[in-house]
C-alpha atoms as a PDB file:
ATOM      1  CA  MET A   1       2.296  19.484   4.213  1.00  0.00           C
ATOM      2  CA  ALA A   2       0.052  16.683   2.994  1.00  0.00           C
ATOM      3  CA  LEU A   3       1.485  13.366   1.877  1.00  0.00           C
ATOM      4  CA  MET A   4      -0.673  13.609  -1.220  1.00  0.00           C
ATOM      5  CA  ASP A   5      -3.068  16.080  -2.740  1.00  0.00           C
ATOM      6  CA  TRP A   6      -6.264  15.345  -4.633  1.00  0.00           C
ATOM      7  CA  SER A   7      -5.853  16.140  -8.285  1.00  0.00           C
ATOM      8  CA  PRO A   8      -8.313  16.201 -11.188  1.00  0.00           C
ATOM      9  CA  ALA A   9      -6.039  13.527 -12.679  1.00  0.00           C
ATOM     10  CA  PHE A  10      -7.510  11.165 -10.052  1.00  0.00           C
ATOM     11  CA  SER A  11     -11.095  11.688 -11.195  1.00  0.00           C
ATOM     12  CA  VAL A  12     -12.897   8.629 -12.523  1.00  0.00           C
ATOM     13  CA  ASN A  13     -15.867  10.819 -13.572  1.00  0.00           C
ATOM     14  CA  VAL A  14     -18.244   9.021 -11.223  1.00  0.00           C
ATOM     15  CA  ARG A  15     -19.115  11.572  -8.536  1.00  0.00           C
ATOM     16  CA  GLN A  16     -19.807   9.039  -5.770  1.00  0.00           C
ATOM     17  CA  PHE A  17     -16.423   7.402  -6.207  1.00  0.00           C
ATOM     18  CA  ASP A  18     -14.520  10.645  -6.713  1.00  0.00           C
ATOM     19  CA  ASP A  19     -15.967  11.837  -3.396  1.00  0.00           C
ATOM     20  CA  GLN A  20     -15.011   8.566  -1.704  1.00  0.00           C
ATOM     21  CA  HIS A  21     -11.506   8.702  -3.166  1.00  0.00           C
ATOM     22  CA  LYS A  22     -11.125  12.256  -1.835  1.00  0.00           C
ATOM     23  CA  LYS A  23     -12.059  11.006   1.634  1.00  0.00           C
ATOM     24  CA  LEU A  24      -9.519   8.170   1.383  1.00  0.00           C
ATOM     25  CA  VAL A  25      -6.823  10.689   0.402  1.00  0.00           C
ATOM     26  CA  ALA A  26      -7.811  12.842   3.388  1.00  0.00           C
ATOM     27  CA  MET A  27      -7.622   9.854   5.749  1.00  0.00           C
ATOM     28  CA  VAL A  28      -4.149   8.882   4.534  1.00  0.00           C
ATOM     29  CA  ASN A  29      -3.080  12.515   4.974  1.00  0.00           C
ATOM     30  CA  GLN A  30      -4.526  12.589   8.502  1.00  0.00           C
ATOM     31  CA  LEU A  31      -2.468   9.555   9.421  1.00  0.00           C
ATOM     32  CA  HIS A  32       0.643  11.063   7.837  1.00  0.00           C
ATOM     33  CA  ASP A  33       0.170  14.415   9.578  1.00  0.00           C
ATOM     34  CA  ALA A  34      -0.153  12.721  12.956  1.00  0.00           C
ATOM     35  CA  MET A  35       3.051  10.776  12.342  1.00  0.00           C
ATOM     36  CA  LYS A  36       4.938  13.942  11.379  1.00  0.00           C
ATOM     37  CA  VAL A  37       4.171  15.644  14.685  1.00  0.00           C
ATOM     38  CA  GLY A  38       4.909  12.566  16.768  1.00  0.00           C
ATOM     39  CA  LYS A  39       1.294  11.669  17.466  1.00  0.00           C
ATOM     40  CA  GLY A  40       1.145   8.675  15.177  1.00  0.00           C
ATOM     41  CA  SER A  41       0.816   6.209  18.025  1.00  0.00           C
ATOM     42  CA  GLU A  42      -2.033   8.241  19.583  1.00  0.00           C
ATOM     43  CA  VAL A  43      -4.182   8.296  16.463  1.00  0.00           C
ATOM     44  CA  LEU A  44      -2.881   5.285  14.572  1.00  0.00           C
ATOM     45  CA  GLY A  45      -5.340   2.734  15.938  1.00  0.00           C
ATOM     46  CA  PRO A  46      -8.522   4.782  15.425  1.00  0.00           C
ATOM     47  CA  VAL A  47      -7.446   6.184  12.037  1.00  0.00           C
ATOM     48  CA  LEU A  48      -6.311   2.783  10.790  1.00  0.00           C
ATOM     49  CA  ASN A  49      -9.625   1.270  11.920  1.00  0.00           C
ATOM     50  CA  SER A  50     -11.548   4.059  10.152  1.00  0.00           C
ATOM     51  CA  LEU A  51      -9.445   3.688   7.004  1.00  0.00           C
ATOM     52  CA  ILE A  52     -10.074  -0.070   6.908  1.00  0.00           C
ATOM     53  CA  SER A  53     -13.805   0.342   7.516  1.00  0.00           C
ATOM     54  CA  TYR A  54     -14.201   3.122   4.966  1.00  0.00           C
ATOM     55  CA  THR A  55     -12.135   1.276   2.365  1.00  0.00           C
ATOM     56  CA  ALA A  56     -14.254  -1.861   2.774  1.00  0.00           C
ATOM     57  CA  SER A  57     -17.423   0.188   2.299  1.00  0.00           C
ATOM     58  CA  HIS A  58     -15.941   1.972  -0.729  1.00  0.00           C
ATOM     59  CA  PHE A  59     -14.856  -1.309  -2.330  1.00  0.00           C
ATOM     60  CA  ALA A  60     -18.326  -2.779  -1.770  1.00  0.00           C
ATOM     61  CA  ASP A  61     -19.930   0.292  -3.384  1.00  0.00           C
ATOM     62  CA  GLU A  62     -17.658   0.046  -6.431  1.00  0.00           C
ATOM     63  CA  GLU A  63     -18.183  -3.689  -6.818  1.00  0.00           C
ATOM     64  CA  ARG A  64     -21.956  -3.400  -6.421  1.00  0.00           C
ATOM     65  CA  LEU A  65     -22.231  -0.715  -9.109  1.00  0.00           C
ATOM     66  CA  MET A  66     -19.918  -2.634 -11.422  1.00  0.00           C
ATOM     67  CA  GLN A  67     -21.984  -5.786 -10.967  1.00  0.00           C
ATOM     68  CA  GLN A  68     -25.285  -3.956 -11.508  1.00  0.00           C
ATOM     69  CA  ASN A  69     -23.957  -2.572 -14.789  1.00  0.00           C
ATOM     70  CA  GLY A  70     -22.244  -5.720 -16.048  1.00  0.00           C
ATOM     71  CA  TYR A  71     -18.674  -4.426 -15.833  1.00  0.00           C
ATOM     72  CA  PRO A  72     -16.652  -7.066 -17.716  1.00  0.00           C
ATOM     73  CA  ASP A  73     -13.495  -6.759 -15.591  1.00  0.00           C
ATOM     74  CA  LEU A  74     -15.214  -7.029 -12.204  1.00  0.00           C
ATOM     75  CA  ALA A  75     -13.479 -10.253 -11.124  1.00  0.00           C
ATOM     76  CA  ARG A  76      -9.994  -8.843 -11.663  1.00  0.00           C
ATOM     77  CA  HIS A  77     -10.914  -5.534 -10.035  1.00  0.00           C
ATOM     78  CA  LYS A  78     -12.364  -7.353  -7.021  1.00  0.00           C
ATOM     79  CA  ALA A  79      -9.171  -9.428  -6.763  1.00  0.00           C
ATOM     80  CA  GLU A  80      -7.195  -6.151  -6.505  1.00  0.00           C
ATOM     81  CA  HIS A  81      -9.527  -4.982  -3.740  1.00  0.00           C
ATOM     82  CA  ASP A  82      -9.154  -8.298  -1.904  1.00  0.00           C
ATOM     83  CA  LYS A  83      -5.361  -8.108  -2.137  1.00  0.00           C
ATOM     84  CA  LEU A  84      -5.224  -4.611  -0.640  1.00  0.00           C
ATOM     85  CA  THR A  85      -7.705  -5.586   2.068  1.00  0.00           C
ATOM     86  CA  ARG A  86      -5.440  -8.476   3.108  1.00  0.00           C
ATOM     87  CA  GLN A  87      -2.380  -6.204   3.133  1.00  0.00           C
ATOM     88  CA  VAL A  88      -4.060  -3.532   5.256  1.00  0.00           C
ATOM     89  CA  LEU A  89      -5.513  -6.097   7.668  1.00  0.00           C
ATOM     90  CA  ASP A  90      -1.977  -7.477   8.062  1.00  0.00           C
ATOM     91  CA  LEU A  91      -0.777  -3.945   8.915  1.00  0.00           C
ATOM     92  CA  GLN A  92      -3.575  -3.607  11.456  1.00  0.00           C
ATOM     93  CA  LYS A  93      -2.731  -6.962  13.032  1.00  0.00           C
ATOM     94  CA  GLN A  94       0.944  -5.985  13.215  1.00  0.00           C
ATOM     95  CA  TYR A  95       0.013  -2.682  14.872  1.00  0.00           C
ATOM     96  CA  GLN A  96      -2.294  -4.391  17.379  1.00  0.00           C
ATOM     97  CA  THR A  97       0.435  -6.889  18.237  1.00  0.00           C
ATOM     98  CA  THR A  98       3.365  -4.490  18.555  1.00  0.00           C
ATOM     99  CA  LYS A  99       1.655  -1.096  19.088  1.00  0.00           C
ATOM    100  CA  SER A 100       4.449   0.406  17.025  1.00  0.00           C
ATOM    101  CA  ALA A 101       3.942   3.440  14.827  1.00  0.00           C
ATOM    102  CA  LEU A 102       3.619   3.054  11.100  1.00  0.00           C
ATOM    103  CA  SER A 103       6.784   3.724   9.184  1.00  0.00           C
ATOM    104  CA  MET A 104       7.138   6.115   6.291  1.00  0.00           C
ATOM    105  CA  ALA A 105       7.551   3.019   4.120  1.00  0.00           C
ATOM    106  CA  VAL A 106       4.021   1.976   5.078  1.00  0.00           C
ATOM    107  CA  MET A 107       2.721   5.489   4.376  1.00  0.00           C
ATOM    108  CA  SER A 108       4.427   5.409   0.975  1.00  0.00           C
ATOM    109  CA  PHE A 109       2.829   2.026   0.305  1.00  0.00           C
ATOM    110  CA  LEU A 110      -0.643   3.394   1.123  1.00  0.00           C
ATOM    111  CA  LYS A 111      -0.102   6.474  -1.025  1.00  0.00           C
ATOM    112  CA  ASP A 112       1.355   4.538  -3.962  1.00  0.00           C
ATOM    113  CA  TRP A 113      -1.375   1.930  -3.835  1.00  0.00           C
ATOM    114  CA  LEU A 114      -4.118   4.548  -3.726  1.00  0.00           C
ATOM    115  CA  VAL A 115      -2.649   6.588  -6.576  1.00  0.00           C
ATOM    116  CA  ASN A 116      -1.849   3.555  -8.739  1.00  0.00           C
ATOM    117  CA  HIS A 117      -5.207   1.898  -8.109  1.00  0.00           C
ATOM    118  CA  ILE A 118      -7.228   5.013  -8.866  1.00  0.00           C
ATOM    119  CA  GLN A 119      -5.207   6.041 -11.911  1.00  0.00           C
ATOM    120  CA  GLY A 120      -4.888   2.480 -13.191  1.00  0.00           C
ATOM    121  CA  GLU A 121      -7.778   0.197 -12.296  1.00  0.00           C
ATOM    122  CA  ASP A 122     -10.453   2.705 -11.307  1.00  0.00           C
ATOM    123  CA  LYS A 123      -9.914   4.880 -14.371  1.00  0.00           C
ATOM    124  CA  LYS A 124     -10.961   1.860 -16.460  1.00  0.00           C
ATOM    125  CA  TYR A 125     -14.464   1.609 -15.035  1.00  0.00           C
ATOM    126  CA  GLY A 126     -15.214   5.337 -15.345  1.00  0.00           C
ATOM    127  CA  PRO A 127     -15.863   5.387 -19.122  1.00  0.00           C
ATOM    128  CA  PHE A 128     -17.741   2.083 -18.900  1.00  0.00           C
ATOM    129  CA  LEU A 129     -20.076   3.319 -16.159  1.00  0.00           C
ATOM    130  CA  ASN A 130     -20.446   6.725 -17.871  1.00  0.00           C
ATOM    131  CA  GLY A 131     -21.598   4.826 -20.964  1.00  0.00           C
ATOM    132  CA  LYS A 132     -24.278   3.200 -18.815  1.00  0.00           C
ATOM    133  CA  GLY A 133     -25.512   6.614 -17.672  1.00  0.00           C
ATOM    134  CA  VAL A 134     -23.684   6.671 -14.332  1.00  0.00           C
ATOM    135  CA  ALA A 135     -22.087  10.030 -13.605  1.00  0.00           C
END
């Protein structure tokens, strides 16, 4: 069973970002599934590295499109991205130092952050970008 399922409630009505959010959900689920069957330590490093890389690329895509379209809340949105990036890099550093598996608390953090960020912050740029002709 997946940790989280994609839902139309997550849609920001910008296809590129909905697709990227779906991939992020899938990556978090992949990590969770591996932990559930006791293979977390085998896949944790590569999946965590992929999640960090993909998230950085996704954040850059969002910020670039917001900047190109004059999104008025870009600075605050970028600050949220920077905060999560620091938190996830700290998790990666902790993993690389201890080689311990991620806890369910960490998985819950990733899920909650993703859900709250998409449904809170990201939902705000959708109507703005739609108004600029971005779909």
